[in-house]
Amino acid sequence: MNNQPNNLNQAQGNIRSINGQVAEVEIESDAFPTLFEILFSPDDPATILEVYSQSKDYVTCQILSNQDRLYRGMKVVGTGTDLKVPVGTNVLGRVIDLFGRPQDSTQPIRTSAYLSIYSKAPPLTTVKKDYTLLETGIKAIDFLTPIFKGGKVGLIGGAGVGKTILLTEILHNITSRYSNVASVFAGVGERIREGQELHQRLLDSKVLDRTVIVLGQMNENAAIRYRIALAAATQAEYFRDYLKQDVLFFMDNTFRFVQAGNEVSVLLGTLPSEQAYQARLQTEISTLEDRLIATEGGSITSFQNVYVPADEITDAGVNSIISFLDTAIVLSRSVAQKGIYPPIDLSQSSSSTLSQALLGQSHFKVLTEFQQLSDNYNRLSHIVAIVGESELSPENQILFKRTKKVINYLTQPFFATEGQTGRKGVYVDRLTTVGDIALILSGSLDEIPAEKFLLIGSLKEAGIIK
């Protein structure tokens, strides 16, 4: 980021107070800074302030640099512009911070294209709803909660249930099979280790050269973490609007975006709302989500990890995020403890694509049949846990075993975990998944033990059918 004023007629002033990550600047010039304008100090060009609110003769700013280097009386000047980030094909394959500075090497980003992180949502007349299914190669997702191009997908769960691994697998599978798709990954408030591991996984799987990674991790201050999601959205918008491409947008973690906004709200002294969240909670989420849509030029399909604090899915912040999603994939700790990966909670997950018109007759029929059996399976599981499977009626025993086989079949080894598990990752297309499950439910495979269906690809690849 180049902190140089565009002309000599820029705002000038001095810092009069510093409170944590908030500074008040007394303006001494006739020119007055606008909202979101970036200010810096001629004495220390690394100083970055952003105007948050205005008064008669001073402005309140959020500090986007190291606040320890600021002091009362420090001179600051305006740049005449808000925060802009480098965009374009030259950013692909790179890891950058909020200001577009490279984090993967000392090689600078060579691009002349810069865009504001505060762009507006596209006009309603340009919005286009495309119900083309986007295949992930992950059986459980493609069968239970199918995804359409331009949709919003949430991977929802507590700590340690595999959200980041699943997100990385989706990125790998789609990017490696669609050549004209760019990917943008926003690391919002996550661990530094996870950023490094993601970079290495994408490098190893040869999809890094079509991915932009924007990181603002948990060691950064709240103002930076909050803006990382907006900066990443700007990257995605450039590919959609200027290059007319379909874009995959990944964010880990959307709850951390909400959390950062809450921290900023507290620092600025605004009154909290329900459950101590900021009063602007819905507005802040919609400002981001409304930019991540499909238009006539291209689409942005977003995949968002949503951390659930203390596994409490009724949390107000989590519910606010879920209200914007087209597909909610809930990952359950109890399912993971049974060795089912991905540990998707069938009863709480949902998708707006579950209709015959979108899925086709065969998929919709098999899915409907499985959902009915799954409800019965959950009821029978309580009985089996107490008195054993042998106490069920012969008919219920058959249906119970078939459902268990489908649940086991919906697990699979991931490319993202090959190094940890020693199992080679697999990709299974949607129609193969539907056909395999239909075969299981038909009773043709009743003689095969349920354990044979665990962590496999297709039935043919596993040698169960010829």
Protein backbone atom coordinates (compact mmCIF):
# COMPACT_ATOMS: atom_id res chain seq x y z
CA MET A 1 0.00 0.00 0.00
CA ASN A 2 1.37 3.40 -1.01
CA ASN A 3 0.71 5.92 1.78
CA GLN A 4 1.25 9.05 -0.25
CA PRO A 5 -1.26 11.91 -0.63
CA ASN A 6 -2.66 12.38 -4.11
CA ASN A 7 -2.19 16.18 -4.03
CA LEU A 8 -1.18 18.93 -1.66
CA ASN A 9 -4.77 19.82 -0.70
CA GLN A 10 -5.18 16.99 1.78
CA ALA A 11 -6.35 16.90 5.35
CA GLN A 12 -3.73 17.53 8.04
CA GLY A 13 -3.89 17.21 11.79
CA ASN A 14 -2.43 15.82 14.99
CA ILE A 15 -3.30 12.85 17.17
CA ARG A 16 -4.89 14.14 20.37
CA SER A 17 -5.69 10.86 22.11
CA ILE A 18 -5.10 7.11 21.78
CA ASN A 19 -7.32 4.50 23.38
CA GLY A 20 -6.33 0.97 22.46
CA GLN A 21 -6.94 0.59 18.72
CA VAL A 22 -8.84 3.88 18.45
CA ALA A 23 -7.27 7.30 17.92
CA GLU A 24 -8.76 10.79 17.78
CA VAL A 25 -7.17 13.18 15.31
CA GLU A 26 -7.64 16.96 15.54
CA ILE A 27 -7.89 18.41 12.02
CA GLU A 28 -6.04 21.70 11.47
CA SER A 29 -6.45 22.13 7.71
CA ASP A 30 -9.38 23.42 5.67
CA ALA A 31 -9.57 20.05 3.94
CA PHE A 32 -11.46 17.53 6.07
CA PRO A 33 -11.03 13.74 5.73
CA THR A 34 -13.97 11.67 4.49
CA LEU A 35 -15.32 8.51 6.06
CA PHE A 36 -13.04 5.47 5.50
CA GLU A 37 -10.22 7.73 4.27
CA ILE A 38 -6.72 6.45 5.10
CA LEU A 39 -4.45 8.75 7.13
CA PHE A 40 -0.73 8.27 7.71
CA SER A 41 2.12 10.06 9.44
CA PRO A 42 4.94 11.71 7.43
CA ASP A 43 7.22 10.96 10.40
CA ASP A 44 6.35 7.23 10.25
CA PRO A 45 4.83 6.15 6.89
CA ALA A 46 4.05 2.70 8.35
CA THR A 47 1.32 4.34 10.43
CA ILE A 48 -2.14 3.60 9.00
CA LEU A 49 -5.35 5.09 10.39
CA GLU A 50 -8.84 4.80 8.92
CA VAL A 51 -11.51 7.43 9.57
CA TYR A 52 -14.51 5.91 11.33
CA SER A 53 -16.56 8.95 12.37
CA GLN A 54 -16.41 12.74 12.04
CA SER A 55 -16.99 15.68 14.36
CA LYS A 56 -16.66 19.44 13.85
CA ASP A 57 -12.90 19.66 14.19
CA TYR A 58 -11.72 16.10 14.77
CA VAL A 59 -12.18 12.56 13.47
CA THR A 60 -12.21 9.21 15.24
CA CYS A 61 -9.99 6.63 13.55
CA GLN A 62 -9.35 2.93 13.83
CA ILE A 63 -5.67 2.07 14.01
CA LEU A 64 -4.68 -0.47 11.33
CA SER A 65 -0.98 -0.53 12.20
CA ASN A 66 1.08 -0.98 15.36
CA GLN A 67 -0.50 1.35 17.93
CA ASP A 68 2.67 1.25 20.05
CA ARG A 69 4.36 3.57 17.51
CA LEU A 70 1.72 6.27 17.89
CA TYR A 71 1.88 9.19 20.35
CA ARG A 72 -0.07 12.31 21.22
CA GLY A 73 0.79 15.25 18.99
CA MET A 74 1.92 13.00 16.13
CA LYS A 75 1.29 14.66 12.79
CA VAL A 76 -0.95 12.85 10.29
CA VAL A 77 -2.11 13.66 6.77
CA GLY A 78 -4.83 12.28 4.54
CA THR A 79 -4.36 10.23 1.40
CA GLY A 80 -7.64 11.27 -0.20
CA THR A 81 -8.68 7.65 -0.69
CA ASP A 82 -9.98 4.68 1.22
CA LEU A 83 -8.17 1.35 1.59
CA LYS A 84 -7.40 -0.29 -1.75
CA VAL A 85 -5.88 -3.71 -2.42
CA PRO A 86 -4.01 -5.09 -5.44
CA VAL A 87 -6.15 -7.34 -7.65
CA GLY A 88 -5.75 -9.30 -10.86
CA THR A 89 -4.17 -12.44 -12.23
CA ASN A 90 -0.77 -11.44 -10.83
CA VAL A 91 -2.16 -11.94 -7.32
CA LEU A 92 -3.05 -15.57 -8.05
CA GLY A 93 -0.78 -18.01 -6.27
CA ARG A 94 0.15 -15.45 -3.63
CA VAL A 95 -0.49 -15.01 0.09
CA ILE A 96 -1.15 -11.37 1.02
CA ASP A 97 -2.24 -9.37 4.06
CA LEU A 98 -4.94 -6.71 4.29
CA PHE A 99 -2.75 -4.12 2.56
CA GLY A 100 -1.69 -6.37 -0.30
CA ARG A 101 1.77 -7.01 1.11
CA PRO A 102 3.12 -10.49 0.25
CA GLN A 103 3.36 -12.94 3.14
CA ASP A 104 4.79 -15.89 1.20
CA SER A 105 8.07 -14.36 -0.03
CA THR A 106 9.85 -11.06 -0.56
CA GLN A 107 8.74 -10.94 -4.21
CA PRO A 108 6.42 -7.92 -4.58
CA ILE A 109 2.97 -8.07 -6.14
CA ARG A 110 3.33 -6.69 -9.67
CA THR A 111 -0.02 -5.24 -10.69
CA SER A 112 -1.39 -1.83 -11.59
CA ALA A 113 -4.98 -2.72 -10.67
CA TYR A 114 -6.21 -1.65 -7.23
CA LEU A 115 -9.79 -1.70 -5.92
CA SER A 116 -11.46 -0.42 -2.76
CA ILE A 117 -12.41 -2.99 -0.15
CA TYR A 118 -15.69 -1.11 0.38
CA SER A 119 -17.43 -1.81 -2.92
CA LYS A 120 -21.22 -2.02 -2.95
CA ALA A 121 -23.43 -5.01 -3.68
CA PRO A 122 -24.31 -5.38 -7.39
CA PRO A 123 -27.54 -3.72 -8.60
CA LEU A 124 -30.62 -5.91 -8.48
CA THR A 125 -30.95 -5.79 -12.27
CA THR A 126 -27.58 -7.55 -12.72
CA VAL A 127 -28.20 -10.35 -10.20
CA LYS A 128 -28.62 -13.77 -11.81
CA LYS A 129 -29.75 -16.91 -10.04
CA ASP A 130 -28.08 -19.97 -11.58
CA TYR A 131 -29.27 -23.35 -10.31
CA THR A 132 -26.53 -25.33 -12.05
CA LEU A 133 -25.32 -27.94 -9.56
CA LEU A 134 -21.67 -27.65 -8.60
CA GLU A 135 -20.17 -31.06 -7.95
CA THR A 136 -17.64 -31.40 -5.12
CA GLY A 137 -16.76 -35.10 -5.45
CA ILE A 138 -17.61 -35.51 -1.74
CA LYS A 139 -20.37 -38.11 -1.55
CA ALA A 140 -22.09 -36.85 1.59
CA ILE A 141 -22.33 -33.27 0.30
CA ASP A 142 -23.32 -34.06 -3.29
CA PHE A 143 -26.03 -36.48 -2.13
CA LEU A 144 -27.42 -34.90 1.04
CA THR A 145 -26.83 -31.16 0.60
CA PRO A 146 -26.10 -30.42 -3.08
CA ILE A 147 -24.57 -27.07 -3.95
CA PHE A 148 -25.51 -24.80 -6.84
CA LYS A 149 -23.31 -22.29 -8.62
CA GLY A 150 -23.50 -18.87 -6.97
CA GLY A 151 -24.88 -20.27 -3.71
CA LYS A 152 -23.72 -19.72 -0.13
CA VAL A 153 -22.60 -22.81 1.78
CA GLY A 154 -21.87 -22.92 5.50
CA LEU A 155 -19.79 -25.61 7.21
CA ILE A 156 -21.04 -25.26 10.77
CA GLY A 157 -19.57 -26.86 13.87
CA GLY A 158 -17.56 -26.52 17.06
CA ALA A 159 -13.81 -26.71 17.46
CA GLY A 160 -12.00 -29.77 16.12
CA VAL A 161 -14.78 -31.38 14.06
CA GLY A 162 -12.98 -30.96 10.71
CA LYS A 163 -14.38 -27.74 9.18
CA THR A 164 -11.04 -26.54 7.79
CA ILE A 165 -10.14 -29.97 6.38
CA LEU A 166 -13.52 -30.22 4.63
CA LEU A 167 -13.19 -26.67 3.28
CA THR A 168 -9.71 -27.45 1.92
CA GLU A 169 -10.99 -30.66 0.30
CA ILE A 170 -13.80 -28.78 -1.46
CA LEU A 171 -11.31 -26.17 -2.71
CA HIS A 172 -8.99 -28.88 -4.03
CA ASN A 173 -11.70 -30.95 -5.72
CA ILE A 174 -13.50 -28.13 -7.51
CA THR A 175 -10.44 -26.10 -8.50
CA SER A 176 -8.59 -29.12 -9.90
CA ARG A 177 -11.56 -30.05 -12.15
CA TYR A 178 -12.76 -26.66 -13.39
CA SER A 179 -10.05 -24.89 -15.39
CA ASN A 180 -11.76 -21.49 -15.73
CA VAL A 181 -12.42 -21.01 -12.02
CA ALA A 182 -10.44 -18.72 -9.72
CA SER A 183 -10.41 -19.28 -5.96
CA VAL A 184 -10.11 -16.75 -3.16
CA PHE A 185 -9.41 -17.88 0.41
CA ALA A 186 -9.99 -15.49 3.32
CA GLY A 187 -8.29 -16.48 6.58
CA VAL A 188 -10.18 -14.46 9.20
CA GLY A 189 -8.94 -14.77 12.76
CA GLU A 190 -7.65 -18.33 12.47
CA ARG A 191 -4.36 -19.83 13.66
CA ILE A 192 -1.10 -18.98 11.90
CA ARG A 193 -0.33 -22.70 11.65
CA GLU A 194 -3.52 -23.28 9.66
CA GLY A 195 -2.54 -20.61 7.13
CA GLN A 196 0.83 -22.26 6.58
CA GLU A 197 -0.73 -25.73 6.29
CA LEU A 198 -3.31 -24.49 3.78
CA HIS A 199 -0.60 -22.92 1.63
CA GLN A 200 1.39 -26.16 1.65
CA ARG A 201 -1.67 -28.33 0.83
CA LEU A 202 -2.60 -26.15 -2.13
CA LEU A 203 0.99 -26.15 -3.31
CA ASP A 204 1.22 -29.95 -3.06
CA SER A 205 -2.09 -30.45 -4.89
CA LYS A 206 -1.06 -28.03 -7.67
CA VAL A 207 -4.02 -25.65 -7.34
CA LEU A 208 -2.18 -22.78 -5.61
CA ASP A 209 -1.52 -21.00 -8.92
CA ARG A 210 -5.28 -20.38 -9.29
CA THR A 211 -5.87 -19.26 -5.70
CA VAL A 212 -5.49 -15.96 -3.85
CA ILE A 213 -4.99 -16.28 -0.09
CA VAL A 214 -5.75 -13.23 2.06
CA LEU A 215 -4.76 -13.68 5.70
CA GLY A 216 -5.56 -11.72 8.85
CA GLN A 217 -4.98 -14.18 11.63
CA MET A 218 -5.77 -14.19 15.32
CA ASN A 219 -2.60 -12.30 16.30
CA GLU A 220 -3.81 -9.27 14.30
CA ASN A 221 -5.95 -6.57 15.91
CA ALA A 222 -9.73 -6.72 15.52
CA ALA A 223 -9.93 -3.88 12.96
CA ILE A 224 -7.68 -5.79 10.56
CA ARG A 225 -9.40 -9.14 11.09
CA TYR A 226 -12.76 -7.55 10.34
CA ARG A 227 -11.55 -6.04 7.05
CA ILE A 228 -9.86 -9.19 5.76
CA ALA A 229 -13.22 -10.60 4.65
CA LEU A 230 -14.00 -7.37 2.79
CA ALA A 231 -10.59 -7.36 1.09
CA ALA A 232 -11.03 -10.99 0.00
CA ALA A 233 -14.51 -10.19 -1.34
CA THR A 234 -12.90 -7.46 -3.47
CA GLN A 235 -10.52 -10.03 -4.95
CA ALA A 236 -13.48 -12.28 -5.88
CA GLU A 237 -15.44 -9.36 -7.35
CA TYR A 238 -12.56 -8.48 -9.67
CA PHE A 239 -12.53 -11.95 -11.25
CA ARG A 240 -16.32 -11.94 -11.53
CA ASP A 241 -16.87 -8.40 -12.82
CA TYR A 242 -13.73 -7.61 -14.79
CA LEU A 243 -12.58 -11.02 -16.05
CA LYS A 244 -16.12 -12.52 -16.26
CA GLN A 245 -15.10 -15.69 -14.43
CA ASP A 246 -16.83 -18.00 -12.00
CA VAL A 247 -15.21 -17.67 -8.59
CA LEU A 248 -14.99 -19.90 -5.53
CA PHE A 249 -14.85 -17.87 -2.31
CA PHE A 250 -13.68 -19.63 0.86
CA MET A 251 -13.75 -18.03 4.30
CA ASP A 252 -12.35 -19.52 7.48
CA ASN A 253 -13.98 -18.34 9.69
CA THR A 254 -17.19 -16.30 9.28
CA PHE A 255 -17.87 -16.36 13.02
CA ARG A 256 -14.45 -14.75 13.57
CA PHE A 257 -15.56 -11.97 11.21
CA VAL A 258 -18.61 -11.40 13.41
CA GLN A 259 -16.45 -11.64 16.52
CA ALA A 260 -13.96 -9.06 15.17
CA GLY A 261 -16.84 -6.71 14.41
CA ASN A 262 -18.03 -7.15 17.98
CA GLU A 263 -14.56 -6.30 19.36
CA VAL A 264 -14.37 -3.19 17.19
CA SER A 265 -17.85 -2.16 18.33
CA VAL A 266 -16.79 -2.43 21.99
CA LEU A 267 -13.62 -0.39 21.36
CA LEU A 268 -15.67 2.36 19.72
CA GLY A 269 -18.05 2.46 22.68
CA THR A 270 -21.26 1.54 20.86
CA LEU A 271 -24.10 -0.02 22.81
CA PRO A 272 -24.41 -3.81 22.47
CA SER A 273 -27.56 -5.66 21.42
CA GLU A 274 -28.86 -9.14 22.20
CA GLN A 275 -26.36 -11.57 23.80
CA ALA A 276 -23.76 -8.76 23.87
CA TYR A 277 -23.36 -8.73 20.06
CA GLN A 278 -23.04 -5.42 18.22
CA ALA A 279 -26.29 -3.68 17.29
CA ARG A 280 -25.17 -3.65 13.62
CA LEU A 281 -24.70 -7.42 13.49
CA GLN A 282 -27.17 -8.13 10.68
CA THR A 283 -26.02 -5.08 8.71
CA GLU A 284 -22.35 -6.07 8.91
CA ILE A 285 -23.04 -9.63 7.75
CA SER A 286 -25.31 -8.51 4.90
CA THR A 287 -22.75 -5.93 3.74
CA LEU A 288 -20.39 -8.84 3.07
CA GLU A 289 -22.85 -11.55 1.99
CA ASP A 290 -24.71 -9.35 -0.50
CA ARG A 291 -21.47 -8.90 -2.45
CA LEU A 292 -20.95 -12.67 -2.81
CA ILE A 293 -23.57 -13.43 -5.45
CA ALA A 294 -23.93 -14.41 -9.10
CA THR A 295 -24.35 -11.72 -11.76
CA GLU A 296 -24.62 -11.68 -15.55
CA GLY A 297 -20.81 -11.55 -15.76
CA GLY A 298 -20.02 -14.50 -13.53
CA SER A 299 -20.75 -16.11 -10.19
CA ILE A 300 -19.25 -16.19 -6.72
CA THR A 301 -19.95 -19.46 -4.90
CA SER A 302 -19.02 -19.03 -1.25
CA PHE A 303 -18.02 -21.71 1.23
CA GLN A 304 -17.85 -20.44 4.78
CA ASN A 305 -16.69 -22.12 7.95
CA VAL A 306 -18.85 -21.11 10.89
CA TYR A 307 -17.41 -21.80 14.33
CA VAL A 308 -20.05 -22.63 16.94
CA PRO A 309 -18.94 -21.42 20.39
CA ALA A 310 -19.33 -24.12 23.06
CA ASP A 311 -21.22 -26.22 20.43
CA GLU A 312 -24.24 -23.94 21.02
CA ILE A 313 -25.80 -23.69 17.57
CA THR A 314 -28.54 -21.37 18.88
CA ASP A 315 -25.93 -18.64 19.48
CA ALA A 316 -27.23 -15.31 18.09
CA GLY A 317 -24.11 -14.73 15.98
CA VAL A 318 -24.26 -18.21 14.44
CA ASN A 319 -27.98 -17.91 13.70
CA SER A 320 -27.44 -14.54 12.03
CA ILE A 321 -24.90 -16.11 9.67
CA ILE A 322 -27.07 -19.16 8.94
CA SER A 323 -29.95 -16.90 7.86
CA PHE A 324 -27.88 -15.84 4.81
CA LEU A 325 -26.92 -19.37 3.71
CA ASP A 326 -28.47 -21.46 0.94
CA THR A 327 -26.91 -24.66 2.26
CA ALA A 328 -26.11 -25.38 5.91
CA ILE A 329 -23.83 -28.38 6.51
CA VAL A 330 -23.74 -29.04 10.26
CA LEU A 331 -20.77 -31.06 11.51
CA SER A 332 -21.46 -33.01 14.70
CA ARG A 333 -18.97 -33.93 17.40
CA SER A 334 -20.99 -37.02 18.34
CA VAL A 335 -20.90 -38.25 14.72
CA ALA A 336 -17.14 -37.66 14.53
CA GLN A 337 -16.65 -39.73 17.69
CA LYS A 338 -18.17 -42.71 15.83
CA GLY A 339 -15.45 -42.46 13.16
CA ILE A 340 -17.80 -41.06 10.50
CA TYR A 341 -15.96 -38.53 8.30
CA PRO A 342 -17.11 -36.08 7.18
CA PRO A 343 -19.20 -36.02 10.39
CA ILE A 344 -22.34 -34.45 8.90
CA ASP A 345 -25.41 -34.24 11.14
CA LEU A 346 -28.18 -35.42 8.79
CA SER A 347 -31.01 -34.08 10.94
CA GLN A 348 -29.71 -30.50 11.23
CA SER A 349 -28.16 -30.00 7.78
CA SER A 350 -30.29 -28.47 5.02
CA SER A 351 -30.11 -27.23 1.43
CA SER A 352 -32.39 -25.09 -0.72
CA THR A 353 -31.67 -27.36 -3.71
CA LEU A 354 -33.65 -30.34 -2.39
CA SER A 355 -36.32 -30.43 -5.09
CA GLN A 356 -36.99 -32.81 -7.96
CA ALA A 357 -36.72 -29.99 -10.49
CA LEU A 358 -33.11 -29.24 -9.48
CA LEU A 359 -31.83 -32.71 -8.56
CA GLY A 360 -33.57 -34.82 -11.16
CA GLN A 361 -36.04 -37.61 -10.55
CA SER A 362 -33.59 -40.41 -9.67
CA HIS A 363 -31.55 -38.40 -7.14
CA PHE A 364 -34.65 -36.91 -5.51
CA LYS A 365 -36.33 -40.33 -5.22
CA VAL A 366 -33.30 -42.02 -3.62
CA LEU A 367 -32.69 -39.05 -1.30
CA THR A 368 -36.32 -39.01 -0.13
CA GLU A 369 -36.22 -42.75 0.57
CA PHE A 370 -32.99 -42.41 2.53
CA GLN A 371 -34.33 -39.49 4.58
CA GLN A 372 -37.32 -41.58 5.64
CA LEU A 373 -35.07 -44.50 6.59
CA SER A 374 -32.70 -42.14 8.43
CA ASP A 375 -35.51 -40.84 10.65
CA ASN A 376 -36.46 -44.42 11.49
CA TYR A 377 -32.76 -45.31 12.04
CA ASN A 378 -32.39 -42.53 14.63
CA ARG A 379 -35.42 -43.83 16.50
CA LEU A 380 -34.25 -47.44 16.39
CA SER A 381 -30.71 -46.46 17.48
CA HIS A 382 -31.98 -45.65 20.95
CA ILE A 383 -33.55 -49.11 21.22
CA VAL A 384 -30.42 -50.84 19.87
CA ALA A 385 -28.24 -48.95 22.37
CA ILE A 386 -30.31 -50.40 25.24
CA VAL A 387 -31.35 -53.93 24.24
CA GLY A 388 -29.27 -54.68 21.13
CA GLU A 389 -30.00 -55.01 17.42
CA SER A 390 -31.23 -58.61 17.75
CA GLU A 391 -34.34 -57.41 19.63
CA LEU A 392 -35.64 -55.52 16.59
CA SER A 393 -38.25 -57.09 14.32
CA PRO A 394 -36.84 -58.86 11.21
CA GLU A 395 -38.09 -56.03 8.97
CA ASN A 396 -36.58 -53.32 11.18
CA GLN A 397 -33.29 -55.21 11.35
CA ILE A 398 -33.04 -55.19 7.55
CA LEU A 399 -33.88 -51.48 7.25
CA PHE A 400 -31.54 -50.61 10.13
CA LYS A 401 -28.61 -52.41 8.49
CA ARG A 402 -29.25 -50.87 5.07
CA THR A 403 -29.34 -47.36 6.51
CA LYS A 404 -26.13 -48.01 8.44
CA LYS A 405 -24.46 -49.16 5.21
CA VAL A 406 -25.47 -45.92 3.46
CA ILE A 407 -24.18 -43.85 6.39
CA ASN A 408 -20.86 -45.74 6.21
CA TYR A 409 -20.79 -45.39 2.43
CA LEU A 410 -21.11 -41.61 2.72
CA THR A 411 -17.68 -41.49 4.38
CA GLN A 412 -14.57 -41.26 2.24
CA PRO A 413 -10.81 -40.60 2.45
CA PHE A 414 -9.77 -37.05 1.56
CA PHE A 415 -6.94 -35.78 -0.61
CA ALA A 416 -6.32 -33.15 2.08
CA THR A 417 -5.52 -35.81 4.71
CA GLU A 418 -3.50 -38.31 2.68
CA GLY A 419 -0.34 -37.46 4.62
CA GLN A 420 -2.01 -38.02 8.00
CA THR A 421 -4.17 -41.09 7.29
CA GLY A 422 -2.13 -42.90 4.65
CA ARG A 423 -5.34 -43.38 2.65
CA LYS A 424 -5.40 -42.13 -0.93
CA GLY A 425 -8.07 -39.48 -1.50
CA VAL A 426 -11.00 -40.27 -3.80
CA TYR A 427 -13.41 -38.25 -5.94
CA VAL A 428 -16.86 -39.73 -6.61
CA ASP A 429 -19.23 -38.01 -9.04
CA ARG A 430 -22.83 -37.35 -7.98
CA LEU A 431 -24.55 -39.80 -10.34
CA THR A 432 -22.29 -42.64 -9.23
CA THR A 433 -23.08 -41.83 -5.59
CA VAL A 434 -26.83 -41.83 -6.27
CA GLY A 435 -26.61 -45.15 -8.17
CA ASP A 436 -24.56 -46.81 -5.42
CA ILE A 437 -26.96 -45.72 -2.67
CA ALA A 438 -29.95 -46.88 -4.72
CA LEU A 439 -28.27 -50.29 -5.01
CA ILE A 440 -27.72 -50.48 -1.24
CA LEU A 441 -31.32 -49.53 -0.47
CA SER A 442 -32.66 -52.03 -2.98
CA GLY A 443 -31.35 -54.91 -0.84
CA SER A 444 -28.93 -56.26 -3.45
CA LEU A 445 -26.02 -55.90 -1.03
CA ASP A 446 -27.68 -57.14 2.17
CA GLU A 447 -25.16 -59.98 2.57
CA ILE A 448 -22.15 -57.63 2.70
CA PRO A 449 -21.14 -56.40 6.21
CA ALA A 450 -21.64 -52.69 6.94
CA GLU A 451 -17.94 -52.30 7.79
CA LYS A 452 -17.02 -52.93 4.13
CA PHE A 453 -18.69 -49.63 3.17
CA LEU A 454 -16.65 -47.46 5.53
CA LEU A 455 -14.11 -44.99 4.07
CA ILE A 456 -14.30 -46.12 0.45
CA GLY A 457 -14.87 -44.40 -2.88
CA SER A 458 -17.50 -45.88 -5.20
CA LEU A 459 -18.75 -49.46 -4.78
CA LYS A 460 -16.96 -50.41 -7.98
CA GLU A 461 -13.62 -48.93 -6.84
CA ALA A 462 -13.97 -50.81 -3.54
CA GLY A 463 -14.59 -54.10 -5.36
CA ILE A 464 -18.05 -54.54 -3.85
CA ILE A 465 -19.68 -54.63 -7.28
CA LYS A 466 -18.23 -55.37 -10.70
